[in-house]
C-alpha atoms as a PDB file:
ATOM      1  CA  MET A   1      32.385   1.599 -17.756  1.00  0.00           C
ATOM      2  CA  GLN A   2      29.884   4.368 -16.822  1.00  0.00           C
ATOM      3  CA  ASP A   3      26.742   3.017 -15.293  1.00  0.00           C
ATOM      4  CA  PHE A   4      23.498   4.516 -16.721  1.00  0.00           C
ATOM      5  CA  GLU A   5      19.745   4.395 -15.751  1.00  0.00           C
ATOM      6  CA  ARG A   6      17.734   2.562 -18.274  1.00  0.00           C
ATOM      7  CA  PRO A   7      14.281   4.305 -18.891  1.00  0.00           C
ATOM      8  CA  PRO A   8      11.264   2.194 -17.784  1.00  0.00           C
ATOM      9  CA  SER A   9       9.712  -0.060 -20.433  1.00  0.00           C
ATOM     10  CA  LEU A  10       6.411   0.671 -21.924  1.00  0.00           C
ATOM     11  CA  GLY A  11       5.021  -2.189 -20.016  1.00  0.00           C
ATOM     12  CA  ALA A  12       6.225  -0.912 -16.819  1.00  0.00           C
ATOM     13  CA  LEU A  13       4.710   2.436 -17.433  1.00  0.00           C
ATOM     14  CA  VAL A  14       1.322   0.930 -18.093  1.00  0.00           C
ATOM     15  CA  THR A  15       1.658  -1.197 -15.064  1.00  0.00           C
ATOM     16  CA  ASP A  16       2.277   1.742 -12.839  1.00  0.00           C
ATOM     17  CA  HIS A  17      -0.682   3.630 -14.358  1.00  0.00           C
ATOM     18  CA  VAL A  18      -3.260   0.739 -13.891  1.00  0.00           C
ATOM     19  CA  ARG A  19      -1.927  -0.008 -10.420  1.00  0.00           C
ATOM     20  CA  ASN A  20      -2.550   3.803  -9.471  1.00  0.00           C
ATOM     21  CA  MET A  21      -5.911   3.390 -10.936  1.00  0.00           C
ATOM     22  CA  ILE A  22      -6.911   0.469  -8.769  1.00  0.00           C
ATOM     23  CA  VAL A  23      -5.004   1.879  -5.727  1.00  0.00           C
ATOM     24  CA  ARG A  24      -6.967   5.159  -5.895  1.00  0.00           C
ATOM     25  CA  GLY A  25     -10.383   3.601  -6.594  1.00  0.00           C
ATOM     26  CA  GLU A  26     -10.667   4.672 -10.142  1.00  0.00           C
ATOM     27  CA  LEU A  27     -11.189   1.144 -10.935  1.00  0.00           C
ATOM     28  CA  ALA A  28     -13.519  -0.380  -8.397  1.00  0.00           C
ATOM     29  CA  LEU A  29     -13.063  -3.720  -6.458  1.00  0.00           C
ATOM     30  CA  GLY A  30     -14.420  -6.451  -8.655  1.00  0.00           C
ATOM     31  CA  GLU A  31     -14.821  -4.112 -11.662  1.00  0.00           C
ATOM     32  CA  ALA A  32     -14.099  -5.665 -15.052  1.00  0.00           C
ATOM     33  CA  ILE A  33     -10.874  -4.347 -16.829  1.00  0.00           C
ATOM     34  CA  SER A  34     -11.026  -3.836 -20.530  1.00  0.00           C
ATOM     35  CA  GLU A  35      -7.812  -4.200 -22.435  1.00  0.00           C
ATOM     36  CA  ARG A  36      -9.176  -2.095 -25.294  1.00  0.00           C
ATOM     37  CA  GLY A  37     -10.467   0.532 -23.008  1.00  0.00           C
ATOM     38  CA  ILE A  38      -6.881   0.827 -21.233  1.00  0.00           C
ATOM     39  CA  SER A  39      -5.316   0.626 -24.770  1.00  0.00           C
ATOM     40  CA  ALA A  40      -7.459   3.681 -25.933  1.00  0.00           C
ATOM     41  CA  LEU A  41      -6.935   5.594 -22.633  1.00  0.00           C
ATOM     42  CA  LEU A  42      -3.221   5.345 -22.690  1.00  0.00           C
ATOM     43  CA  ASN A  43      -2.894   5.301 -26.561  1.00  0.00           C
ATOM     44  CA  VAL A  44      -0.782   1.979 -26.606  1.00  0.00           C
ATOM     45  CA  SER A  45      -1.372  -1.420 -28.057  1.00  0.00           C
ATOM     46  CA  LYS A  46      -2.844  -4.210 -26.196  1.00  0.00           C
ATOM     47  CA  THR A  47       0.547  -5.949 -25.658  1.00  0.00           C
ATOM     48  CA  PRO A  48       1.862  -3.765 -22.978  1.00  0.00           C
ATOM     49  CA  VAL A  49      -1.488  -3.797 -21.343  1.00  0.00           C
ATOM     50  CA  ARG A  50      -1.569  -7.514 -21.218  1.00  0.00           C
ATOM     51  CA  GLU A  51       1.919  -7.460 -19.828  1.00  0.00           C
ATOM     52  CA  ALA A  52       0.586  -4.927 -17.187  1.00  0.00           C
ATOM     53  CA  LEU A  53      -2.391  -7.107 -16.264  1.00  0.00           C
ATOM     54  CA  THR A  54      -0.125 -10.210 -15.841  1.00  0.00           C
ATOM     55  CA  ARG A  55       2.203  -8.109 -13.488  1.00  0.00           C
ATOM     56  CA  LEU A  56      -0.672  -6.934 -11.576  1.00  0.00           C
ATOM     57  CA  LYS A  57      -1.920 -10.485 -11.269  1.00  0.00           C
ATOM     58  CA  HIS A  58       1.144 -11.395  -9.409  1.00  0.00           C
ATOM     59  CA  GLU A  59       0.746  -8.429  -6.941  1.00  0.00           C
ATOM     60  CA  GLY A  60      -2.756  -9.703  -6.169  1.00  0.00           C
ATOM     61  CA  LEU A  61      -4.307  -6.575  -7.604  1.00  0.00           C
ATOM     62  CA  VAL A  62      -5.899  -8.347 -10.726  1.00  0.00           C
ATOM     63  CA  ILE A  63      -7.731 -11.564 -11.247  1.00  0.00           C
ATOM     64  CA  ILE A  64      -7.541 -13.047 -14.770  1.00  0.00           C
ATOM     65  CA  LYS A  65     -10.019 -15.746 -15.678  1.00  0.00           C
ATOM     66  CA  PRO A  66      -9.919 -17.710 -18.839  1.00  0.00           C
ATOM     67  CA  GLN A  67     -12.642 -16.725 -21.255  1.00  0.00           C
ATOM     68  CA  SER A  68     -13.733 -14.039 -18.938  1.00  0.00           C
ATOM     69  CA  GLY A  69     -10.755 -11.608 -19.037  1.00  0.00           C
ATOM     70  CA  ALA A  70      -9.400  -9.391 -16.099  1.00  0.00           C
ATOM     71  CA  GLN A  71     -11.069  -7.764 -13.197  1.00  0.00           C
ATOM     72  CA  VAL A  72      -9.833  -5.903 -10.109  1.00  0.00           C
ATOM     73  CA  PHE A  73      -9.455  -8.118  -6.934  1.00  0.00           C
ATOM     74  CA  THR A  74     -12.356  -8.507  -4.618  1.00  0.00           C
ATOM     75  CA  LEU A  75     -12.293  -9.021  -0.657  1.00  0.00           C
ATOM     76  CA  SER A  76     -13.366 -11.769   1.569  1.00  0.00           C
ATOM     77  CA  ALA A  77     -13.137 -11.465   5.388  1.00  0.00           C
ATOM     78  CA  ARG A  78     -10.604 -14.360   5.287  1.00  0.00           C
ATOM     79  CA  GLU A  79      -8.480 -12.525   2.908  1.00  0.00           C
ATOM     80  CA  VAL A  80      -8.470  -9.297   4.982  1.00  0.00           C
ATOM     81  CA  GLY A  81      -7.305 -11.304   7.916  1.00  0.00           C
ATOM     82  CA  ASN A  82      -4.558 -13.015   5.813  1.00  0.00           C
ATOM     83  CA  ILE A  83      -3.358  -9.532   4.675  1.00  0.00           C
ATOM     84  CA  CYS A  84      -3.217  -8.027   8.149  1.00  0.00           C
ATOM     85  CA  THR A  85      -1.576 -11.115   9.570  1.00  0.00           C
ATOM     86  CA  PHE A  86       1.007 -10.744   6.683  1.00  0.00           C
ATOM     87  CA  ARG A  87       1.515  -7.043   7.907  1.00  0.00           C
ATOM     88  CA  ARG A  88       1.592  -7.898  11.544  1.00  0.00           C
ATOM     89  CA  THR A  89       4.466 -10.340  10.797  1.00  0.00           C
ATOM     90  CA  LEU A  90       6.746  -8.411   8.480  1.00  0.00           C
ATOM     91  CA  GLU A  91       6.222  -4.827   9.652  1.00  0.00           C
ATOM     92  CA  PRO A  92       7.348  -5.150  13.222  1.00  0.00           C
ATOM     93  CA  ALA A  93      10.263  -7.169  12.231  1.00  0.00           C
ATOM     94  CA  ALA A  94      11.325  -4.641   9.603  1.00  0.00           C
ATOM     95  CA  LEU A  95      10.847  -1.680  12.019  1.00  0.00           C
ATOM     96  CA  ALA A  96      12.956  -3.468  14.796  1.00  0.00           C
ATOM     97  CA  LEU A  97      15.744  -3.995  12.401  1.00  0.00           C
ATOM     98  CA  ALA A  98      15.537  -0.420  11.159  1.00  0.00           C
ATOM     99  CA  ILE A  99      15.928   0.987  14.454  1.00  0.00           C
ATOM    100  CA  GLU A 100      18.959  -1.397  14.913  1.00  0.00           C
ATOM    101  CA  PHE A 101      20.249  -0.667  11.383  1.00  0.00           C
ATOM    102  CA  ASP A 102      19.668   3.060  10.879  1.00  0.00           C
ATOM    103  CA  GLN A 103      17.480   4.655  13.487  1.00  0.00           C
ATOM    104  CA  PRO A 104      18.393   8.392  12.682  1.00  0.00           C
ATOM    105  CA  GLY A 105      17.510   7.805   8.873  1.00  0.00           C
ATOM    106  CA  LEU A 106      14.299   6.043   9.851  1.00  0.00           C
ATOM    107  CA  TYR A 107      13.296   8.675  12.322  1.00  0.00           C
ATOM    108  CA  HIS A 108      14.012  11.658   9.913  1.00  0.00           C
ATOM    109  CA  GLU A 109      12.144   9.962   7.107  1.00  0.00           C
ATOM    110  CA  LEU A 110       8.993   8.999   9.334  1.00  0.00           C
ATOM    111  CA  ARG A 111       8.936  12.579  11.055  1.00  0.00           C
ATOM    112  CA  GLN A 112       9.018  14.177   7.453  1.00  0.00           C
ATOM    113  CA  VAL A 113       6.282  11.851   6.074  1.00  0.00           C
ATOM    114  CA  GLU A 114       4.118  12.299   9.290  1.00  0.00           C
ATOM    115  CA  SER A 115       4.375  16.165   9.204  1.00  0.00           C
ATOM    116  CA  GLN A 116       3.263  15.971   5.555  1.00  0.00           C
ATOM    117  CA  MET A 117       0.306  13.695   6.549  1.00  0.00           C
ATOM    118  CA  GLN A 118      -0.762  16.167   9.094  1.00  0.00           C
ATOM    119  CA  VAL A 119      -0.877  18.873   6.323  1.00  0.00           C
ATOM    120  CA  ALA A 120      -2.635  16.745   3.900  1.00  0.00           C
ATOM    121  CA  HIS A 121      -5.189  15.503   6.279  1.00  0.00           C
ATOM    122  CA  GLY A 122      -5.665  18.954   7.543  1.00  0.00           C
ATOM    123  CA  SER A 123      -6.470  20.480   4.130  1.00  0.00           C
ATOM    124  CA  GLY A 124      -8.616  17.528   3.047  1.00  0.00           C
ATOM    125  CA  ARG A 125      -6.067  16.002   0.449  1.00  0.00           C
ATOM    126  CA  ILE A 126      -7.178  12.494   0.995  1.00  0.00           C
ATOM    127  CA  THR A 127      -5.412  11.047  -2.065  1.00  0.00           C
ATOM    128  CA  ASP A 128      -2.142  12.742  -0.854  1.00  0.00           C
ATOM    129  CA  TYR A 129      -2.550  11.600   2.623  1.00  0.00           C
ATOM    130  CA  LEU A 130      -3.185   7.979   1.442  1.00  0.00           C
ATOM    131  CA  ASP A 131      -0.063   8.063  -0.546  1.00  0.00           C
ATOM    132  CA  LEU A 132       2.008   9.320   2.375  1.00  0.00           C
ATOM    133  CA  ASP A 133       0.367   6.640   4.554  1.00  0.00           C
ATOM    134  CA  SER A 134       2.017   3.931   2.079  1.00  0.00           C
ATOM    135  CA  ASP A 135       5.297   5.961   2.235  1.00  0.00           C
ATOM    136  CA  PHE A 136       5.149   5.776   6.060  1.00  0.00           C
ATOM    137  CA  HIS A 137       5.010   2.140   6.269  1.00  0.00           C
ATOM    138  CA  MET A 138       7.485   1.510   3.445  1.00  0.00           C
ATOM    139  CA  ALA A 139      10.037   3.611   5.300  1.00  0.00           C
ATOM    140  CA  PHE A 140      10.518   0.642   7.821  1.00  0.00           C
ATOM    141  CA  PHE A 141      11.663  -1.445   5.008  1.00  0.00           C
ATOM    142  CA  ASN A 142      13.717   1.233   3.389  1.00  0.00           C
ATOM    143  CA  HIS A 143      15.895   1.381   6.441  1.00  0.00           C
ATOM    144  CA  CYS A 144      15.883  -2.231   7.735  1.00  0.00           C
ATOM    145  CA  GLY A 145      18.984  -3.268   5.657  1.00  0.00           C
ATOM    146  CA  ASN A 146      17.255  -6.482   4.472  1.00  0.00           C
ATOM    147  CA  ALA A 147      16.348  -6.690   0.803  1.00  0.00           C
ATOM    148  CA  TYR A 148      14.509  -9.953   1.304  1.00  0.00           C
ATOM    149  CA  LEU A 149      12.051  -8.232   3.699  1.00  0.00           C
ATOM    150  CA  LYS A 150      11.654  -5.138   1.577  1.00  0.00           C
ATOM    151  CA  SER A 151      10.999  -7.222  -1.661  1.00  0.00           C
ATOM    152  CA  SER A 152       8.489  -9.381   0.129  1.00  0.00           C
ATOM    153  CA  TYR A 153       6.489  -6.325   1.322  1.00  0.00           C
ATOM    154  CA  GLU A 154       6.723  -4.475  -2.019  1.00  0.00           C
ATOM    155  CA  GLN A 155       5.104  -7.373  -3.761  1.00  0.00           C
ATOM    156  CA  TYR A 156       1.818  -6.799  -1.947  1.00  0.00           C
ATOM    157  CA  ALA A 157       2.257  -3.011  -1.169  1.00  0.00           C
ATOM    158  CA  GLY A 158       0.047  -1.960  -3.938  1.00  0.00           C
ATOM    159  CA  LYS A 159      -3.005  -4.276  -2.649  1.00  0.00           C
ATOM    160  CA  ILE A 160      -2.411  -2.826   0.927  1.00  0.00           C
ATOM    161  CA  ALA A 161      -2.491   0.513  -0.530  1.00  0.00           C
ATOM    162  CA  ALA A 162      -5.818  -0.218  -2.393  1.00  0.00           C
ATOM    163  CA  LEU A 163      -7.404  -1.385   0.823  1.00  0.00           C
ATOM    164  CA  ARG A 164      -6.443   2.002   2.547  1.00  0.00           C
ATOM    165  CA  THR A 165      -8.412   3.904  -0.191  1.00  0.00           C
ATOM    166  CA  HIS A 166     -11.694   2.156   0.876  1.00  0.00           C
ATOM    167  CA  LEU A 167     -11.237   2.852   4.515  1.00  0.00           C
ATOM    168  CA  ALA A 168     -10.553   6.667   3.477  1.00  0.00           C
ATOM    169  CA  THR A 169     -14.619   6.879   3.462  1.00  0.00           C
ATOM    170  CA  ARG A 170     -14.581   6.425   7.229  1.00  0.00           C
ATOM    171  CA  PRO A 171     -13.336   9.684   8.657  1.00  0.00           C
ATOM    172  CA  ASP A 172     -12.931   8.495  12.302  1.00  0.00           C
ATOM    173  CA  HIS A 173     -10.598   5.667  11.116  1.00  0.00           C
ATOM    174  CA  THR A 174      -8.386   8.097   9.270  1.00  0.00           C
ATOM    175  CA  ARG A 175      -8.314  10.459  12.219  1.00  0.00           C
ATOM    176  CA  LEU A 176      -7.193   7.590  14.638  1.00  0.00           C
ATOM    177  CA  SER A 177      -4.871   6.425  12.099  1.00  0.00           C
ATOM    178  CA  LEU A 178      -3.054   9.800  11.912  1.00  0.00           C
ATOM    179  CA  ARG A 179      -2.806   9.928  15.825  1.00  0.00           C
ATOM    180  CA  GLU A 180      -1.378   6.408  15.812  1.00  0.00           C
ATOM    181  CA  HIS A 181       1.301   7.293  13.101  1.00  0.00           C
ATOM    182  CA  THR A 182       2.388  10.411  15.348  1.00  0.00           C
ATOM    183  CA  GLU A 183       2.713   7.778  18.286  1.00  0.00           C
ATOM    184  CA  ILE A 184       4.789   5.558  16.232  1.00  0.00           C
ATOM    185  CA  VAL A 185       7.148   8.286  15.316  1.00  0.00           C
ATOM    186  CA  ASP A 186       7.546   9.385  18.840  1.00  0.00           C
ATOM    187  CA  ALA A 187       8.478   5.883  20.029  1.00  0.00           C
ATOM    188  CA  VAL A 188      10.958   5.456  17.142  1.00  0.00           C
ATOM    189  CA  GLN A 189      12.688   8.698  18.490  1.00  0.00           C
ATOM    190  CA  ASN A 190      12.853   7.006  21.882  1.00  0.00           C
ATOM    191  CA  LYS A 191      14.010   3.756  20.509  1.00  0.00           C
ATOM    192  CA  ASP A 192      11.285   2.204  22.447  1.00  0.00           C
ATOM    193  CA  ILE A 193      10.927  -1.165  20.853  1.00  0.00           C
ATOM    194  CA  THR A 194       8.482  -2.626  23.197  1.00  0.00           C
ATOM    195  CA  ALA A 195       6.166   0.291  22.791  1.00  0.00           C
ATOM    196  CA  LEU A 196       6.459   0.283  18.929  1.00  0.00           C
ATOM    197  CA  ARG A 197       5.500  -3.472  18.839  1.00  0.00           C
ATOM    198  CA  ALA A 198       2.276  -2.748  20.893  1.00  0.00           C
ATOM    199  CA  LEU A 199       1.637   0.432  18.886  1.00  0.00           C
ATOM    200  CA  LEU A 200       2.012  -1.160  15.503  1.00  0.00           C
ATOM    201  CA  ASP A 201       0.119  -4.358  16.393  1.00  0.00           C
ATOM    202  CA  ALA A 202      -2.891  -2.135  17.633  1.00  0.00           C
ATOM    203  CA  HIS A 203      -2.611   0.140  14.593  1.00  0.00           C
ATOM    204  CA  ILE A 204      -2.941  -2.918  12.148  1.00  0.00           C
ATOM    205  CA  GLY A 205      -5.429  -4.733  14.371  1.00  0.00           C
ATOM    206  CA  ARG A 206      -7.748  -1.994  14.442  1.00  0.00           C
ATOM    207  CA  THR A 207      -7.350  -1.638  10.575  1.00  0.00           C
ATOM    208  CA  GLN A 208      -8.515  -5.466  10.383  1.00  0.00           C
ATOM    209  CA  GLU A 209     -11.501  -4.783  12.423  1.00  0.00           C
ATOM    210  CA  THR A 210     -12.500  -1.857  10.298  1.00  0.00           C
ATOM    211  CA  TYR A 211     -11.951  -3.876   7.260  1.00  0.00           C
ATOM    212  CA  GLU A 212     -13.977  -6.799   8.581  1.00  0.00           C
ATOM    213  CA  VAL A 213     -16.853  -4.814   9.573  1.00  0.00           C
ATOM    214  CA  GLY A 214     -17.145  -3.184   6.103  1.00  0.00           C
ATOM    215  CA  VAL A 215     -15.991  -6.184   3.935  1.00  0.00           C
ATOM    216  CA  GLU A 216     -19.457  -6.990   2.699  1.00  0.00           C
ATOM    217  CA  ASP A 217     -20.058  -3.300   1.686  1.00  0.00           C
ATOM    218  CA  ILE A 218     -16.577  -3.134  -0.026  1.00  0.00           C
ATOM    219  CA  THR A 219     -17.201  -6.281  -2.046  1.00  0.00           C
ATOM    220  CA  GLN A 220     -20.353  -4.553  -3.504  1.00  0.00           C
ATOM    221  CA  LEU A 221     -18.408  -1.439  -4.713  1.00  0.00           C
END
């Protein structure tokens, strides 16, 4: 029997669209989400919109309250710390496994993405840069050979990406972040696990510090 790829459902397409609206800041943190408004925007019924909001709730991007409806997630310093602890646990593990399992493939993808990040940053295409930043970290999981690790990270990749969007307003953070990505690629090329663990921990740690400094401002957006 010939395998064939099923087209995505309408609910999946709406989910992707609303997720991108949150990740790219088109829907602000804490903003109410109108089912009617999304339905009209995408020219669909409310059923796939409700399905999308339920999916995004499981990803931590949407909060649904009885009698109040849905809204984009908000931040607290504690949640920022929990997300960064999650990353500091999973990303180094996936990166170490990826070097063991498929170092050539990992290095090729990271170098390619990092080169594109340089171009996007240099030309001021911040949205493209942020998308590539997400691709960079997902590459660890693409090559780690462990579907459980990858699935666990994918569950919250959208939320991590949404937080990156709010840091993009801080140019020094983005500039330092780009330099750190280059250092990580160089360490992957050299298969230097010790250096990689230190680089990645410092990279995520600095992100956590930046989040926590601005978390009160972010919650007001």
